């Protein structure tokens, strides 16, 4: 069950308004509830927009092309070269974590739209390089 569905069962209605999360609740939210919503804001916005979660383990990842990220050709070749002799389970784990690093960095609100792909690429490639070397 998605986070949006769980919150809807509790009477909360969420909507994305640009980078803002609008919440309608039957009664005022507690400070703990507001804190939780704040911590999970980006995940909730992504879910409302239909963007898969960064840690979505239901995605089967076998090679860099499966990441559903705007990778450069050189990145795909480099990533596939690093993971080609690893077990299917290890490839899946590495690619899932790579994707999570990319999306977490590229989603930073202080970045301009034209900076997001490069920031995500740099963070994810740096993580993979240090993880495997």
N, C-alpha and C. Protein backbone atom coordinates (compact mmCIF):
# COMPACT_ATOMS: atom_id res chain seq x y z
N UNK A 1 0.85 -1.17 0.00
CA UNK A 1 0.00 0.00 0.00
C UNK A 1 0.90 1.24 0.00
N UNK A 2 0.55 2.21 -0.80
CA UNK A 2 1.35 3.43 -0.88
C UNK A 2 1.14 4.32 0.33
N UNK A 3 2.07 5.26 0.53
CA UNK A 3 1.93 6.20 1.66
C UNK A 3 0.68 7.05 1.47
N UNK A 4 0.39 7.45 0.24
CA UNK A 4 -0.79 8.28 -0.04
C UNK A 4 -2.06 7.52 0.34
N UNK A 5 -2.12 6.24 -0.01
CA UNK A 5 -3.29 5.42 0.33
C UNK A 5 -3.44 5.28 1.83
N UNK A 6 -2.33 5.06 2.52
CA UNK A 6 -2.37 4.92 3.97
C UNK A 6 -2.88 6.20 4.63
N UNK A 7 -2.38 7.34 4.16
CA UNK A 7 -2.82 8.62 4.72
C UNK A 7 -4.29 8.90 4.38
N UNK A 8 -4.72 8.49 3.20
CA UNK A 8 -6.12 8.68 2.80
C UNK A 8 -7.05 7.87 3.71
N UNK A 9 -6.61 6.68 4.10
CA UNK A 9 -7.41 5.87 5.02
C UNK A 9 -7.57 6.56 6.37
N UNK A 10 -6.63 7.43 6.70
CA UNK A 10 -6.69 8.17 7.96
C UNK A 10 -7.36 9.52 7.80
N UNK A 11 -7.95 9.75 6.62
CA UNK A 11 -8.72 10.96 6.39
C UNK A 11 -7.93 12.13 5.83
N UNK A 12 -6.67 11.93 5.47
CA UNK A 12 -5.86 13.01 4.93
C UNK A 12 -5.91 12.98 3.40
N UNK A 13 -6.07 14.14 2.82
CA UNK A 13 -6.06 14.28 1.36
C UNK A 13 -4.85 15.12 1.00
N UNK A 14 -3.98 14.58 0.15
CA UNK A 14 -2.76 15.28 -0.23
C UNK A 14 -2.81 15.65 -1.70
N UNK A 15 -2.25 16.82 -2.02
CA UNK A 15 -2.14 17.29 -3.40
C UNK A 15 -0.79 17.97 -3.57
N UNK A 16 -0.21 17.80 -4.76
CA UNK A 16 1.03 18.49 -5.10
C UNK A 16 0.67 19.80 -5.77
N UNK A 17 1.32 20.86 -5.29
CA UNK A 17 1.16 22.19 -5.88
C UNK A 17 2.56 22.72 -6.15
N UNK A 18 3.11 22.36 -7.30
CA UNK A 18 4.50 22.69 -7.58
C UNK A 18 5.38 21.91 -6.61
N UNK A 19 6.24 22.61 -5.87
CA UNK A 19 7.09 21.97 -4.87
C UNK A 19 6.45 21.98 -3.49
N UNK A 20 5.20 22.37 -3.41
CA UNK A 20 4.48 22.41 -2.13
C UNK A 20 3.55 21.21 -2.01
N UNK A 21 3.42 20.74 -0.80
CA UNK A 21 2.52 19.64 -0.49
C UNK A 21 1.35 20.22 0.27
N UNK A 22 0.15 20.10 -0.30
CA UNK A 22 -1.05 20.59 0.37
C UNK A 22 -1.74 19.42 1.05
N UNK A 23 -2.12 19.64 2.31
CA UNK A 23 -2.74 18.58 3.10
C UNK A 23 -4.07 19.07 3.65
N UNK A 24 -5.11 18.30 3.39
CA UNK A 24 -6.42 18.57 3.98
C UNK A 24 -6.68 17.47 5.00
N UNK A 25 -6.99 17.87 6.24
CA UNK A 25 -7.21 16.91 7.31
C UNK A 25 -8.53 17.22 8.01
N UNK A 26 -9.19 16.19 8.52
CA UNK A 26 -10.47 16.40 9.21
C UNK A 26 -10.31 17.17 10.52
N UNK A 27 -9.11 17.16 11.08
CA UNK A 27 -8.84 17.90 12.33
C UNK A 27 -7.40 18.39 12.27
N UNK A 28 -7.05 19.37 13.10
CA UNK A 28 -5.68 19.90 13.06
C UNK A 28 -4.64 18.79 13.30
N UNK A 29 -3.53 18.88 12.56
CA UNK A 29 -2.48 17.88 12.69
C UNK A 29 -1.61 18.16 13.91
N UNK A 30 -1.16 17.09 14.54
CA UNK A 30 -0.28 17.22 15.70
C UNK A 30 1.12 17.61 15.23
N UNK A 31 1.96 18.12 16.13
CA UNK A 31 3.34 18.42 15.76
C UNK A 31 4.09 17.20 15.22
N UNK A 32 3.83 16.02 15.79
CA UNK A 32 4.48 14.80 15.29
C UNK A 32 4.04 14.48 13.86
N UNK A 33 2.76 14.65 13.58
CA UNK A 33 2.26 14.40 12.23
C UNK A 33 2.86 15.40 11.24
N UNK A 34 2.94 16.66 11.62
CA UNK A 34 3.54 17.68 10.76
C UNK A 34 5.02 17.37 10.51
N UNK A 35 5.71 16.94 11.54
CA UNK A 35 7.13 16.58 11.41
C UNK A 35 7.28 15.41 10.44
N UNK A 36 6.43 14.39 10.57
CA UNK A 36 6.49 13.23 9.68
C UNK A 36 6.25 13.66 8.23
N UNK A 37 5.23 14.48 8.02
CA UNK A 37 4.94 14.95 6.66
C UNK A 37 6.10 15.75 6.10
N UNK A 38 6.72 16.55 6.93
CA UNK A 38 7.86 17.34 6.49
C UNK A 38 9.03 16.44 6.10
N UNK A 39 9.32 15.42 6.91
CA UNK A 39 10.43 14.51 6.61
C UNK A 39 10.18 13.70 5.34
N UNK A 40 8.93 13.40 5.03
CA UNK A 40 8.60 12.56 3.88
C UNK A 40 8.01 13.36 2.71
N UNK A 41 8.16 14.67 2.76
CA UNK A 41 7.55 15.54 1.75
C UNK A 41 7.94 15.14 0.33
N UNK A 42 9.24 14.97 0.07
CA UNK A 42 9.67 14.67 -1.29
C UNK A 42 9.13 13.33 -1.77
N UNK A 43 9.14 12.32 -0.90
CA UNK A 43 8.60 11.02 -1.26
C UNK A 43 7.11 11.13 -1.60
N UNK A 44 6.39 11.89 -0.80
CA UNK A 44 4.96 12.06 -1.03
C UNK A 44 4.71 12.80 -2.34
N UNK A 45 5.48 13.86 -2.59
CA UNK A 45 5.33 14.60 -3.85
C UNK A 45 5.63 13.69 -5.04
N UNK A 46 6.70 12.90 -4.93
CA UNK A 46 7.05 11.98 -6.01
C UNK A 46 5.93 10.97 -6.25
N UNK A 47 5.38 10.46 -5.17
CA UNK A 47 4.29 9.48 -5.30
C UNK A 47 3.07 10.12 -5.96
N UNK A 48 2.74 11.33 -5.56
CA UNK A 48 1.60 12.03 -6.17
C UNK A 48 1.84 12.28 -7.66
N UNK A 49 3.08 12.48 -8.05
CA UNK A 49 3.42 12.74 -9.46
C UNK A 49 3.64 11.46 -10.24
N UNK A 50 3.59 10.31 -9.57
CA UNK A 50 3.77 9.04 -10.26
C UNK A 50 5.23 8.68 -10.49
N UNK A 51 6.14 9.31 -9.75
CA UNK A 51 7.57 9.01 -9.87
C UNK A 51 7.89 7.87 -8.92
N UNK A 52 8.54 6.80 -9.41
CA UNK A 52 8.86 5.68 -8.51
C UNK A 52 9.79 6.11 -7.40
N UNK A 53 9.65 5.49 -6.25
CA UNK A 53 10.51 5.80 -5.11
C UNK A 53 11.95 5.41 -5.42
N UNK A 54 12.88 6.16 -4.85
CA UNK A 54 14.30 5.89 -5.09
C UNK A 54 14.69 4.50 -4.61
N UNK A 55 14.05 4.01 -3.59
CA UNK A 55 14.40 2.70 -3.04
C UNK A 55 13.38 1.64 -3.43
N UNK A 56 12.72 1.80 -4.56
CA UNK A 56 11.71 0.87 -5.03
C UNK A 56 12.38 -0.44 -5.42
N UNK A 57 12.28 -1.45 -4.56
CA UNK A 57 12.93 -2.72 -4.83
C UNK A 57 12.14 -3.58 -5.80
N UNK A 58 10.96 -3.15 -6.20
CA UNK A 58 10.19 -3.94 -7.16
C UNK A 58 10.71 -3.74 -8.58
N UNK A 59 11.54 -2.71 -8.80
CA UNK A 59 12.14 -2.50 -10.11
C UNK A 59 13.26 -3.52 -10.30
N UNK A 60 13.21 -4.28 -11.38
CA UNK A 60 14.27 -5.24 -11.68
C UNK A 60 15.35 -4.52 -12.46
N UNK A 61 16.52 -4.44 -11.87
CA UNK A 61 17.63 -3.71 -12.47
C UNK A 61 18.75 -4.70 -12.79
N UNK A 62 19.07 -4.82 -14.09
CA UNK A 62 20.12 -5.74 -14.52
C UNK A 62 21.33 -5.00 -15.08
N UNK A 63 21.08 -3.81 -15.64
CA UNK A 63 22.16 -3.03 -16.23
C UNK A 63 21.80 -1.55 -16.11
N UNK A 64 22.74 -0.68 -16.46
CA UNK A 64 22.55 0.76 -16.29
C UNK A 64 21.34 1.28 -17.06
N UNK A 65 21.04 0.70 -18.20
CA UNK A 65 19.91 1.17 -19.00
C UNK A 65 18.57 0.98 -18.28
N UNK A 66 18.53 0.08 -17.30
CA UNK A 66 17.29 -0.18 -16.55
C UNK A 66 17.02 0.85 -15.47
N UNK A 67 17.96 1.75 -15.22
CA UNK A 67 17.83 2.70 -14.12
C UNK A 67 16.75 3.76 -14.33
N UNK A 68 16.32 3.97 -15.55
CA UNK A 68 15.32 5.00 -15.86
C UNK A 68 15.81 6.38 -15.39
N UNK A 69 17.09 6.66 -15.71
CA UNK A 69 17.71 7.94 -15.41
C UNK A 69 18.32 8.49 -16.70
N UNK A 70 18.48 9.80 -16.79
CA UNK A 70 19.08 10.38 -18.01
C UNK A 70 20.60 10.22 -18.00
N UNK A 71 21.05 8.97 -18.12
CA UNK A 71 22.49 8.68 -18.11
C UNK A 71 23.14 9.05 -19.44
N UNK A 72 24.40 9.45 -19.36
CA UNK A 72 25.20 9.61 -20.56
C UNK A 72 25.64 8.22 -21.02
N UNK A 73 25.92 8.09 -22.30
CA UNK A 73 26.36 6.80 -22.84
C UNK A 73 27.60 6.32 -22.09
N UNK A 74 28.54 7.23 -21.85
CA UNK A 74 29.78 6.87 -21.14
C UNK A 74 29.47 6.35 -19.73
N UNK A 75 28.49 6.93 -19.07
CA UNK A 75 28.09 6.45 -17.74
C UNK A 75 27.57 5.02 -17.82
N UNK A 76 26.73 4.74 -18.80
CA UNK A 76 26.17 3.39 -18.94
C UNK A 76 27.28 2.37 -19.15
N UNK A 77 28.21 2.69 -20.03
CA UNK A 77 29.32 1.76 -20.31
C UNK A 77 30.16 1.56 -19.06
N UNK A 78 30.45 2.64 -18.34
CA UNK A 78 31.28 2.57 -17.13
C UNK A 78 30.58 1.74 -16.05
N UNK A 79 29.31 2.01 -15.81
CA UNK A 79 28.56 1.29 -14.78
C UNK A 79 28.47 -0.19 -15.14
N UNK A 80 28.09 -0.48 -16.37
CA UNK A 80 27.95 -1.88 -16.78
C UNK A 80 29.28 -2.62 -16.68
N UNK A 81 30.37 -1.94 -16.98
CA UNK A 81 31.69 -2.56 -16.85
C UNK A 81 32.03 -2.90 -15.41
N UNK A 82 31.60 -2.06 -14.48
CA UNK A 82 31.88 -2.31 -13.06
C UNK A 82 31.04 -3.45 -12.49
N UNK A 83 29.84 -3.64 -13.00
CA UNK A 83 28.94 -4.62 -12.38
C UNK A 83 28.77 -5.91 -13.17
N UNK A 84 29.37 -6.01 -14.35
CA UNK A 84 29.06 -7.13 -15.24
C UNK A 84 29.40 -8.50 -14.67
N UNK A 85 30.40 -8.61 -13.82
CA UNK A 85 30.79 -9.92 -13.29
C UNK A 85 30.28 -10.16 -11.88
N UNK A 86 29.36 -9.35 -11.44
CA UNK A 86 28.80 -9.51 -10.10
C UNK A 86 27.51 -10.33 -10.18
N UNK A 87 27.13 -10.89 -9.06
CA UNK A 87 25.91 -11.72 -9.03
C UNK A 87 24.69 -10.84 -9.34
N UNK A 88 23.61 -11.48 -9.74
CA UNK A 88 22.37 -10.76 -10.04
C UNK A 88 21.90 -9.98 -8.82
N UNK A 89 21.99 -10.60 -7.65
CA UNK A 89 21.57 -9.95 -6.41
C UNK A 89 22.43 -8.72 -6.13
N UNK A 90 23.74 -8.84 -6.29
CA UNK A 90 24.63 -7.71 -6.02
C UNK A 90 24.42 -6.59 -7.05
N UNK A 91 24.22 -6.95 -8.32
CA UNK A 91 23.93 -5.93 -9.36
C UNK A 91 22.66 -5.18 -9.00
N UNK A 92 21.63 -5.91 -8.61
CA UNK A 92 20.35 -5.29 -8.23
C UNK A 92 20.57 -4.32 -7.07
N UNK A 93 21.30 -4.74 -6.05
CA UNK A 93 21.54 -3.90 -4.88
C UNK A 93 22.35 -2.66 -5.25
N UNK A 94 23.40 -2.83 -6.04
CA UNK A 94 24.23 -1.70 -6.43
C UNK A 94 23.45 -0.70 -7.28
N UNK A 95 22.69 -1.19 -8.24
CA UNK A 95 21.93 -0.29 -9.12
C UNK A 95 20.81 0.41 -8.36
N UNK A 96 20.18 -0.28 -7.42
CA UNK A 96 19.13 0.35 -6.61
C UNK A 96 19.72 1.48 -5.78
N UNK A 97 20.86 1.22 -5.17
CA UNK A 97 21.51 2.25 -4.35
C UNK A 97 22.03 3.40 -5.22
N UNK A 98 22.57 3.07 -6.40
CA UNK A 98 23.03 4.10 -7.34
C UNK A 98 21.87 5.04 -7.68
N UNK A 99 20.72 4.44 -8.00
CA UNK A 99 19.53 5.21 -8.35
C UNK A 99 19.08 6.09 -7.18
N UNK A 100 19.14 5.54 -5.97
CA UNK A 100 18.74 6.30 -4.79
C UNK A 100 19.64 7.51 -4.58
N UNK A 101 20.96 7.32 -4.76
CA UNK A 101 21.90 8.45 -4.62
C UNK A 101 21.63 9.51 -5.68
N UNK A 102 21.39 9.08 -6.90
CA UNK A 102 21.11 10.02 -7.99
C UNK A 102 19.86 10.84 -7.67
N UNK A 103 18.77 10.16 -7.36
CA UNK A 103 17.50 10.84 -7.14
C UNK A 103 17.53 11.74 -5.91
N UNK A 104 18.19 11.29 -4.85
CA UNK A 104 18.26 12.11 -3.64
C UNK A 104 19.01 13.41 -3.90
N UNK A 105 20.10 13.33 -4.64
CA UNK A 105 20.89 14.53 -4.93
C UNK A 105 20.20 15.41 -5.96
N UNK A 106 19.69 14.81 -7.01
CA UNK A 106 19.05 15.58 -8.08
C UNK A 106 17.77 16.26 -7.61
N UNK A 107 17.18 15.75 -6.54
CA UNK A 107 15.94 16.33 -6.03
C UNK A 107 16.13 17.45 -5.03
N UNK A 108 17.39 17.84 -4.80
CA UNK A 108 17.65 18.91 -3.83
C UNK A 108 16.98 20.21 -4.29
N UNK A 109 16.21 20.84 -3.42
CA UNK A 109 15.44 22.01 -3.82
C UNK A 109 16.29 23.22 -4.21
N UNK A 110 17.53 23.27 -3.73
CA UNK A 110 18.36 24.44 -4.04
C UNK A 110 18.94 24.40 -5.46
N UNK A 111 18.83 23.25 -6.12
CA UNK A 111 19.38 23.12 -7.47
C UNK A 111 18.42 23.69 -8.51
N UNK A 112 18.98 24.31 -9.51
CA UNK A 112 18.20 24.75 -10.67
C UNK A 112 17.92 23.52 -11.53
N UNK A 113 16.91 23.58 -12.36
CA UNK A 113 16.53 22.41 -13.16
C UNK A 113 17.68 21.92 -14.03
N UNK A 114 18.47 22.83 -14.57
CA UNK A 114 19.57 22.42 -15.46
C UNK A 114 20.76 21.85 -14.70
N UNK A 115 20.77 21.94 -13.37
CA UNK A 115 21.86 21.41 -12.56
C UNK A 115 21.57 20.01 -12.03
N UNK A 116 20.31 19.61 -12.05
CA UNK A 116 19.90 18.38 -11.38
C UNK A 116 20.57 17.12 -11.93
N UNK A 117 20.57 16.93 -13.24
CA UNK A 117 21.15 15.71 -13.80
C UNK A 117 22.64 15.60 -13.49
N UNK A 118 23.37 16.70 -13.65
CA UNK A 118 24.81 16.65 -13.36
C UNK A 118 25.08 16.38 -11.89
N UNK A 119 24.32 17.00 -11.00
CA UNK A 119 24.51 16.77 -9.56
C UNK A 119 24.20 15.31 -9.21
N UNK A 120 23.10 14.78 -9.75
CA UNK A 120 22.75 13.39 -9.50
C UNK A 120 23.80 12.44 -10.04
N UNK A 121 24.25 12.70 -11.25
CA UNK A 121 25.28 11.87 -11.89
C UNK A 121 26.56 11.87 -11.06
N UNK A 122 27.00 13.06 -10.66
CA UNK A 122 28.25 13.17 -9.89
C UNK A 122 28.15 12.42 -8.57
N UNK A 123 27.05 12.62 -7.84
CA UNK A 123 26.89 11.97 -6.54
C UNK A 123 26.82 10.45 -6.69
N UNK A 124 26.05 9.97 -7.64
CA UNK A 124 25.88 8.52 -7.81
C UNK A 124 27.17 7.87 -8.31
N UNK A 125 27.85 8.52 -9.26
CA UNK A 125 29.11 7.96 -9.77
C UNK A 125 30.19 7.97 -8.69
N UNK A 126 30.23 9.03 -7.88
CA UNK A 126 31.20 9.09 -6.79
C UNK A 126 30.92 7.98 -5.78
N UNK A 127 29.65 7.78 -5.43
CA UNK A 127 29.29 6.72 -4.51
C UNK A 127 29.72 5.36 -5.05
N UNK A 128 29.41 5.07 -6.31
CA UNK A 128 29.72 3.77 -6.89
C UNK A 128 31.23 3.56 -6.97
N UNK A 129 31.95 4.57 -7.36
CA UNK A 129 33.40 4.46 -7.46
C UNK A 129 34.02 4.15 -6.09
N UNK A 130 33.60 4.87 -5.05
CA UNK A 130 34.16 4.63 -3.72
C UNK A 130 33.66 3.31 -3.14
N UNK A 131 32.48 2.90 -3.48
CA UNK A 131 31.92 1.62 -2.98
C UNK A 131 32.66 0.42 -3.54
N UNK A 132 33.07 0.50 -4.81
CA UNK A 132 33.66 -0.66 -5.47
C UNK A 132 35.18 -0.63 -5.54
N UNK A 133 35.79 0.47 -5.15
CA UNK A 133 37.26 0.54 -5.22
C UNK A 133 37.88 0.69 -3.86
